PDB file of N, CA and C in Angstrom:
ATOM      1  N   MET A   1       0.847  -1.166   0.000  1.00  0.00           N
ATOM      2  CA  MET A   1       0.000   0.000   0.000  1.00  0.00           C
ATOM      3  C   MET A   1       0.902   1.241   0.000  1.00  0.00           C
ATOM      4  N   PRO A   2       0.948   1.988  -1.110  1.00  0.00           N
ATOM      5  CA  PRO A   2       1.808   3.179  -1.177  1.00  0.00           C
ATOM      6  C   PRO A   2       1.333   4.286  -0.238  1.00  0.00           C
ATOM      7  N   ILE A   3       2.286   4.943   0.372  1.00  0.00           N
ATOM      8  CA  ILE A   3       2.029   6.095   1.230  1.00  0.00           C
ATOM      9  C   ILE A   3       2.756   7.273   0.606  1.00  0.00           C
ATOM     10  N   TYR A   4       2.042   8.360   0.359  1.00  0.00           N
ATOM     11  CA  TYR A   4       2.624   9.551  -0.232  1.00  0.00           C
ATOM     12  C   TYR A   4       2.478  10.716   0.736  1.00  0.00           C
ATOM     13  N   GLU A   5       3.422  11.651   0.669  1.00  0.00           N
ATOM     14  CA  GLU A   5       3.386  12.835   1.520  1.00  0.00           C
ATOM     15  C   GLU A   5       2.984  14.027   0.661  1.00  0.00           C
ATOM     16  N   PHE A   6       2.113  14.861   1.204  1.00  0.00           N
ATOM     17  CA  PHE A   6       1.618  16.039   0.511  1.00  0.00           C
ATOM     18  C   PHE A   6       1.767  17.259   1.403  1.00  0.00           C
ATOM     19  N   GLN A   7       1.750  18.442   0.756  1.00  0.00           N
ATOM     20  CA  GLN A   7       1.776  19.700   1.493  1.00  0.00           C
ATOM     21  C   GLN A   7       0.701  20.608   0.914  1.00  0.00           C
ATOM     22  N   CYS A   8      -0.030  21.257   1.808  1.00  0.00           N
ATOM     23  CA  CYS A   8      -1.071  22.197   1.413  1.00  0.00           C
ATOM     24  C   CYS A   8      -0.412  23.512   1.002  1.00  0.00           C
ATOM     25  N   ASN A   9      -0.774  24.027  -0.159  1.00  0.00           N
ATOM     26  CA  ASN A   9      -0.225  25.301  -0.628  1.00  0.00           C
ATOM     27  C   ASN A   9      -0.871  26.488   0.063  1.00  0.00           C
ATOM     28  N   GLN A  10      -1.976  26.255   0.751  1.00  0.00           N
ATOM     29  CA  GLN A  10      -2.679  27.354   1.414  1.00  0.00           C
ATOM     30  C   GLN A  10      -2.187  27.554   2.852  1.00  0.00           C
ATOM     31  N   CYS A  11      -2.069  26.479   3.640  1.00  0.00           N
ATOM     32  CA  CYS A  11      -1.678  26.612   5.054  1.00  0.00           C
ATOM     33  C   CYS A  11      -0.346  25.934   5.383  1.00  0.00           C
ATOM     34  N   ASN A  12       0.304  25.321   4.376  1.00  0.00           N
ATOM     35  CA  ASN A  12       1.607  24.654   4.521  1.00  0.00           C
ATOM     36  C   ASN A  12       1.599  23.412   5.403  1.00  0.00           C
ATOM     37  N   THR A  13       0.438  22.857   5.687  1.00  0.00           N
ATOM     38  CA  THR A  13       0.349  21.626   6.470  1.00  0.00           C
ATOM     39  C   THR A  13       0.867  20.460   5.643  1.00  0.00           C
ATOM     40  N   LYS A  14       1.713  19.621   6.250  1.00  0.00           N
ATOM     41  CA  LYS A  14       2.171  18.394   5.593  1.00  0.00           C
ATOM     42  C   LYS A  14       1.366  17.224   6.141  1.00  0.00           C
ATOM     43  N   PHE A  15       0.993  16.307   5.249  1.00  0.00           N
ATOM     44  CA  PHE A  15       0.224  15.145   5.673  1.00  0.00           C
ATOM     45  C   PHE A  15       0.500  13.971   4.748  1.00  0.00           C
ATOM     46  N   ASP A  16       0.254  12.771   5.246  1.00  0.00           N
ATOM     47  CA  ASP A  16       0.437  11.540   4.490  1.00  0.00           C
ATOM     48  C   ASP A  16      -0.912  11.040   4.013  1.00  0.00           C
ATOM     49  N   GLU A  17      -0.895  10.379   2.875  1.00  0.00           N
ATOM     50  CA  GLU A  17      -2.119   9.790   2.343  1.00  0.00           C
ATOM     51  C   GLU A  17      -1.801   8.376   1.859  1.00  0.00           C
ATOM     52  N   TYR A  18      -2.662   7.437   2.189  1.00  0.00           N
ATOM     53  CA  TYR A  18      -2.509   6.036   1.815  1.00  0.00           C
ATOM     54  C   TYR A  18      -3.321   5.754   0.560  1.00  0.00           C
ATOM     55  N   PHE A  19      -2.750   4.964  -0.339  1.00  0.00           N
ATOM     56  CA  PHE A  19      -3.436   4.570  -1.566  1.00  0.00           C
ATOM     57  C   PHE A  19      -3.444   3.049  -1.651  1.00  0.00           C
ATOM     58  N   ARG A  20      -4.468   2.506  -2.227  1.00  0.00           N
ATOM     59  CA  ARG A  20      -4.565   1.045  -2.394  1.00  0.00           C
ATOM     60  C   ARG A  20      -3.561   0.539  -3.414  1.00  0.00           C
ATOM     61  N   SER A  21      -3.251   1.378  -4.407  1.00  0.00           N
ATOM     62  CA  SER A  21      -2.261   1.029  -5.419  1.00  0.00           C
ATOM     63  C   SER A  21      -1.616   2.316  -5.917  1.00  0.00           C
ATOM     64  N   ALA A  22      -0.470   2.189  -6.581  1.00  0.00           N
ATOM     65  CA  ALA A  22       0.223   3.359  -7.112  1.00  0.00           C
ATOM     66  C   ALA A  22      -0.590   4.033  -8.214  1.00  0.00           C
ATOM     67  N   ALA A  23      -1.475   3.292  -8.875  1.00  0.00           N
ATOM     68  CA  ALA A  23      -2.287   3.834  -9.963  1.00  0.00           C
ATOM     69  C   ALA A  23      -3.548   4.546  -9.462  1.00  0.00           C
ATOM     70  N   GLU A  24      -3.904   4.353  -8.205  1.00  0.00           N
ATOM     71  CA  GLU A  24      -5.128   4.955  -7.673  1.00  0.00           C
ATOM     72  C   GLU A  24      -5.031   6.478  -7.664  1.00  0.00           C
ATOM     73  N   ARG A  25      -6.055   7.124  -8.131  1.00  0.00           N
ATOM     74  CA  ARG A  25      -6.145   8.595  -8.120  1.00  0.00           C
ATOM     75  C   ARG A  25      -7.397   8.968  -7.332  1.00  0.00           C
ATOM     76  N   LYS A  26      -7.250   9.888  -6.408  1.00  0.00           N
ATOM     77  CA  LYS A  26      -8.419  10.370  -5.692  1.00  0.00           C
ATOM     78  C   LYS A  26      -8.223  11.838  -5.347  1.00  0.00           C
ATOM     79  N   LYS A  27      -9.313  12.550  -5.222  1.00  0.00           N
ATOM     80  CA  LYS A  27      -9.272  13.967  -4.892  1.00  0.00           C
ATOM     81  C   LYS A  27      -8.872  14.107  -3.434  1.00  0.00           C
ATOM     82  N   LEU A  28      -7.841  14.903  -3.169  1.00  0.00           N
ATOM     83  CA  LEU A  28      -7.343  15.077  -1.813  1.00  0.00           C
ATOM     84  C   LEU A  28      -7.623  16.481  -1.305  1.00  0.00           C
ATOM     85  N   PHE A  29      -7.837  16.571  -0.001  1.00  0.00           N
ATOM     86  CA  PHE A  29      -8.074  17.838   0.657  1.00  0.00           C
ATOM     87  C   PHE A  29      -7.184  17.920   1.891  1.00  0.00           C
ATOM     88  N   CYS A  30      -6.734  19.109   2.223  1.00  0.00           N
ATOM     89  CA  CYS A  30      -5.927  19.326   3.415  1.00  0.00           C
ATOM     90  C   CYS A  30      -6.752  18.974   4.651  1.00  0.00           C
ATOM     91  N   PRO A  31      -6.179  18.180   5.561  1.00  0.00           N
ATOM     92  CA  PRO A  31      -6.928  17.813   6.763  1.00  0.00           C
ATOM     93  C   PRO A  31      -7.137  18.987   7.720  1.00  0.00           C
ATOM     94  N   LEU A  32      -6.362  20.068   7.567  1.00  0.00           N
ATOM     95  CA  LEU A  32      -6.498  21.214   8.470  1.00  0.00           C
ATOM     96  C   LEU A  32      -7.462  22.268   7.926  1.00  0.00           C
ATOM     97  N   CYS A  33      -7.223  22.723   6.691  1.00  0.00           N
ATOM     98  CA  CYS A  33      -8.035  23.826   6.155  1.00  0.00           C
ATOM     99  C   CYS A  33      -9.004  23.396   5.061  1.00  0.00           C
ATOM    100  N   GLN A  34      -8.976  22.122   4.670  1.00  0.00           N
ATOM    101  CA  GLN A  34      -9.858  21.536   3.655  1.00  0.00           C
ATOM    102  C   GLN A  34      -9.610  22.071   2.238  1.00  0.00           C
ATOM    103  N   SER A  35      -8.490  22.749   2.017  1.00  0.00           N
ATOM    104  CA  SER A  35      -8.147  23.242   0.683  1.00  0.00           C
ATOM    105  C   SER A  35      -7.815  22.067  -0.235  1.00  0.00           C
ATOM    106  N   ASP A  36      -8.103  22.242  -1.522  1.00  0.00           N
ATOM    107  CA  ASP A  36      -7.702  21.228  -2.491  1.00  0.00           C
ATOM    108  C   ASP A  36      -6.450  21.653  -3.256  1.00  0.00           C
ATOM    109  N   HIS A  37      -5.802  22.719  -2.803  1.00  0.00           N
ATOM    110  CA  HIS A  37      -4.563  23.216  -3.407  1.00  0.00           C
ATOM    111  C   HIS A  37      -3.382  22.568  -2.693  1.00  0.00           C
ATOM    112  N   ILE A  38      -3.087  21.334  -3.082  1.00  0.00           N
ATOM    113  CA  ILE A  38      -2.021  20.577  -2.437  1.00  0.00           C
ATOM    114  C   ILE A  38      -1.036  20.083  -3.482  1.00  0.00           C
ATOM    115  N   GLN A  39       0.153  19.746  -3.033  1.00  0.00           N
ATOM    116  CA  GLN A  39       1.161  19.183  -3.929  1.00  0.00           C
ATOM    117  C   GLN A  39       1.865  18.019  -3.259  1.00  0.00           C
ATOM    118  N   LYS A  40       2.280  17.073  -4.064  1.00  0.00           N
ATOM    119  CA  LYS A  40       3.035  15.931  -3.572  1.00  0.00           C
ATOM    120  C   LYS A  40       4.459  16.399  -3.305  1.00  0.00           C
ATOM    121  N   VAL A  41       5.010  15.967  -2.165  1.00  0.00           N
ATOM    122  CA  VAL A  41       6.373  16.361  -1.813  1.00  0.00           C
ATOM    123  C   VAL A  41       7.246  15.125  -1.697  1.00  0.00           C
ATOM    124  N   PHE A  42       8.536  15.329  -1.817  1.00  0.00           N
ATOM    125  CA  PHE A  42       9.493  14.244  -1.689  1.00  0.00           C
ATOM    126  C   PHE A  42       9.491  13.758  -0.249  1.00  0.00           C
ATOM    127  N   SER A  43       9.326  12.473  -0.046  1.00  0.00           N
ATOM    128  CA  SER A  43       9.288  11.882   1.293  1.00  0.00           C
ATOM    129  C   SER A  43      10.618  11.244   1.630  1.00  0.00           C
ATOM    130  N   VAL A  44      11.062  11.437   2.853  1.00  0.00           N
ATOM    131  CA  VAL A  44      12.249  10.767   3.362  1.00  0.00           C
ATOM    132  C   VAL A  44      11.761   9.631   4.238  1.00  0.00           C
ATOM    133  N   PHE A  45      12.328   8.444   4.048  1.00  0.00           N
ATOM    134  CA  PHE A  45      11.885   7.300   4.820  1.00  0.00           C
ATOM    135  C   PHE A  45      13.058   6.672   5.538  1.00  0.00           C
ATOM    136  N   GLY A  46      12.771   5.978   6.630  1.00  0.00           N
ATOM    137  CA  GLY A  46      13.802   5.288   7.399  1.00  0.00           C
ATOM    138  C   GLY A  46      14.127   3.958   6.765  1.00  0.00           C
ATOM    139  N   MET A  47      15.343   3.495   7.003  1.00  0.00           N
ATOM    140  CA  MET A  47      15.767   2.234   6.442  1.00  0.00           C
ATOM    141  C   MET A  47      16.483   1.441   7.517  1.00  0.00           C
ATOM    142  N   SER A  48      16.197   0.181   7.598  1.00  0.00           N
ATOM    143  CA  SER A  48      16.831  -0.684   8.567  1.00  0.00           C
ATOM    144  C   SER A  48      18.218  -1.076   8.073  1.00  0.00           C
ATOM    145  N   VAL A  49      19.196  -1.060   8.971  1.00  0.00           N
ATOM    146  CA  VAL A  49      20.561  -1.433   8.632  1.00  0.00           C
ATOM    147  C   VAL A  49      20.832  -2.816   9.201  1.00  0.00           C
ATOM    148  N   GLY A  50      21.259  -3.726   8.370  1.00  0.00           N
ATOM    149  CA  GLY A  50      21.630  -5.051   8.839  1.00  0.00           C
ATOM    150  C   GLY A  50      20.464  -5.957   9.146  1.00  0.00           C
ATOM    151  N   GLY A  51      19.246  -5.516   8.899  1.00  0.00           N
ATOM    152  CA  GLY A  51      18.087  -6.366   9.088  1.00  0.00           C
ATOM    153  C   GLY A  51      17.683  -6.592  10.534  1.00  0.00           C
ATOM    154  N   ASN A  52      18.285  -5.858  11.488  1.00  0.00           N
ATOM    155  CA  ASN A  52      17.942  -6.080  12.888  1.00  0.00           C
ATOM    156  C   ASN A  52      16.941  -5.060  13.419  1.00  0.00           C
ATOM    157  N   GLY A  53      16.448  -4.187  12.540  1.00  0.00           N
ATOM    158  CA  GLY A  53      15.449  -3.220  12.959  1.00  0.00           C
ATOM    159  C   GLY A  53      16.022  -1.915  13.448  1.00  0.00           C
ATOM    160  N   ASP A  54      17.337  -1.859  13.648  1.00  0.00           N
ATOM    161  CA  ASP A  54      17.965  -0.614  14.064  1.00  0.00           C
ATOM    162  C   ASP A  54      18.290   0.205  12.833  1.00  0.00           C
ATOM    163  N   SER A  55      18.157   1.520  12.948  1.00  0.00           N
ATOM    164  CA  SER A  55      18.578   2.375  11.853  1.00  0.00           C
ATOM    165  C   SER A  55      19.680   3.272  12.356  1.00  0.00           C
ATOM    166  N   ALA A  56      20.587   3.606  11.480  1.00  0.00           N
ATOM    167  CA  ALA A  56      21.716   4.446  11.848  1.00  0.00           C
ATOM    168  C   ALA A  56      22.051   5.346  10.683  1.00  0.00           C
ATOM    169  N   SER A  57      22.530   6.528  10.964  1.00  0.00           N
ATOM    170  CA  SER A  57      22.944   7.413   9.897  1.00  0.00           C
ATOM    171  C   SER A  57      24.444   7.282   9.727  1.00  0.00           C
ATOM    172  N   HIS A  58      24.869   7.149   8.490  1.00  0.00           N
ATOM    173  CA  HIS A  58      26.275   6.953   8.201  1.00  0.00           C
ATOM    174  C   HIS A  58      26.943   8.296   7.966  1.00  0.00           C
ATOM    175  N   ASP A  59      28.160   8.438   8.474  1.00  0.00           N
ATOM    176  CA  ASP A  59      28.915   9.634   8.171  1.00  0.00           C
ATOM    177  C   ASP A  59      29.873   9.344   7.038  1.00  0.00           C
ATOM    178  N   SER A  60      30.654  10.347   6.608  1.00  0.00           N
ATOM    179  CA  SER A  60      31.511  10.185   5.445  1.00  0.00           C
ATOM    180  C   SER A  60      32.656   9.217   5.686  1.00  0.00           C
ATOM    181  N   SER A  61      32.969   8.876   6.934  1.00  0.00           N
ATOM    182  CA  SER A  61      34.062   7.947   7.203  1.00  0.00           C
ATOM    183  C   SER A  61      33.615   6.494   7.060  1.00  0.00           C
ATOM    184  N   GLY A  62      32.328   6.254   6.859  1.00  0.00           N
ATOM    185  CA  GLY A  62      31.837   4.900   6.674  1.00  0.00           C
ATOM    186  C   GLY A  62      31.268   4.301   7.937  1.00  0.00           C
ATOM    187  N   GLY A  63      31.533   4.888   9.093  1.00  0.00           N
ATOM    188  CA  GLY A  63      30.979   4.391  10.341  1.00  0.00           C
ATOM    189  C   GLY A  63      29.580   4.909  10.553  1.00  0.00           C
ATOM    190  N   CYS A  64      28.937   4.436  11.609  1.00  0.00           N
ATOM    191  CA  CYS A  64      27.557   4.857  11.853  1.00  0.00           C
ATOM    192  C   CYS A  64      27.484   6.101  12.729  1.00  0.00           C
ATOM    193  N   GLY A  65      28.615   6.592  13.198  1.00  0.00           N
ATOM    194  CA  GLY A  65      28.605   7.790  14.013  1.00  0.00           C
ATOM    195  C   GLY A  65      28.601   7.508  15.494  1.00  0.00           C
ATOM    196  N   SER A  66      28.264   6.265  15.891  1.00  0.00           N
ATOM    197  CA  SER A  66      28.235   5.950  17.314  1.00  0.00           C
ATOM    198  C   SER A  66      29.445   5.136  17.743  1.00  0.00           C
ATOM    199  N   CYS A  67      30.329   4.799  16.798  1.00  0.00           N
ATOM    200  CA  CYS A  67      31.540   4.061  17.129  1.00  0.00           C
ATOM    201  C   CYS A  67      32.608   4.370  16.089  1.00  0.00           C
ATOM    202  N   THR A  68      33.740   3.732  16.181  1.00  0.00           N
ATOM    203  CA  THR A  68      34.827   3.988  15.241  1.00  0.00           C
ATOM    204  C   THR A  68      34.978   2.891  14.204  1.00  0.00           C
ATOM    205  N   ALA A  69      34.081   1.922  14.173  1.00  0.00           N
ATOM    206  CA  ALA A  69      34.158   0.838  13.190  1.00  0.00           C
ATOM    207  C   ALA A  69      33.927   1.405  11.784  1.00  0.00           C
ATOM    208  N   SER A  70      34.561   0.797  10.785  1.00  0.00           N
ATOM    209  CA  SER A  70      34.393   1.281   9.416  1.00  0.00           C
ATOM    210  C   SER A  70      33.097   0.819   8.772  1.00  0.00           C
ATOM    211  N   THR A  71      32.419  -0.169   9.375  1.00  0.00           N
ATOM    212  CA  THR A  71      31.113  -0.607   8.887  1.00  0.00           C
ATOM    213  C   THR A  71      30.176  -0.768  10.077  1.00  0.00           C
ATOM    214  N   CYS A  72      28.903  -0.723   9.826  1.00  0.00           N
ATOM    215  CA  CYS A  72      27.939  -0.892  10.902  1.00  0.00           C
ATOM    216  C   CYS A  72      27.910  -2.307  11.431  1.00  0.00           C
ATOM    217  N   ALA A  73      28.504  -3.264  10.718  1.00  0.00           N
ATOM    218  CA  ALA A  73      28.578  -4.619  11.228  1.00  0.00           C
ATOM    219  C   ALA A  73      29.407  -4.642  12.505  1.00  0.00           C
ATOM    220  N   GLY A  74      30.271  -3.640  12.690  1.00  0.00           N
ATOM    221  CA  GLY A  74      31.082  -3.549  13.898  1.00  0.00           C
ATOM    222  C   GLY A  74      30.329  -2.946  15.073  1.00  0.00           C
ATOM    223  N   CYS A  75      29.162  -2.380  14.807  1.00  0.00           N
ATOM    224  CA  CYS A  75      28.351  -1.766  15.868  1.00  0.00           C
ATOM    225  C   CYS A  75      27.579  -2.865  16.583  1.00  0.00           C
ATOM    226  N   GLY A  76      27.414  -2.724  17.864  1.00  0.00           N
ATOM    227  CA  GLY A  76      26.721  -3.767  18.589  1.00  0.00           C
ATOM    228  C   GLY A  76      25.432  -3.333  19.064  1.00  0.00           C
TER     229      GLY A  76
END
């Protein structure tokens, strides 16, 4: 079930909307001001590292930022 993020052009409220399929089209309204002047925005999503359910942000050195290991496999 695709989830898309939208922003109201009238009040700047951001909200998520669920669709049954990527092809589904439906008229959307802002949940705060009920405006139909909305736009789809780029969504940032979390990603699991190593399949254990933990997420970590990587820095430019290759480590996860919480230790000095060069890969997150070294993080415990």
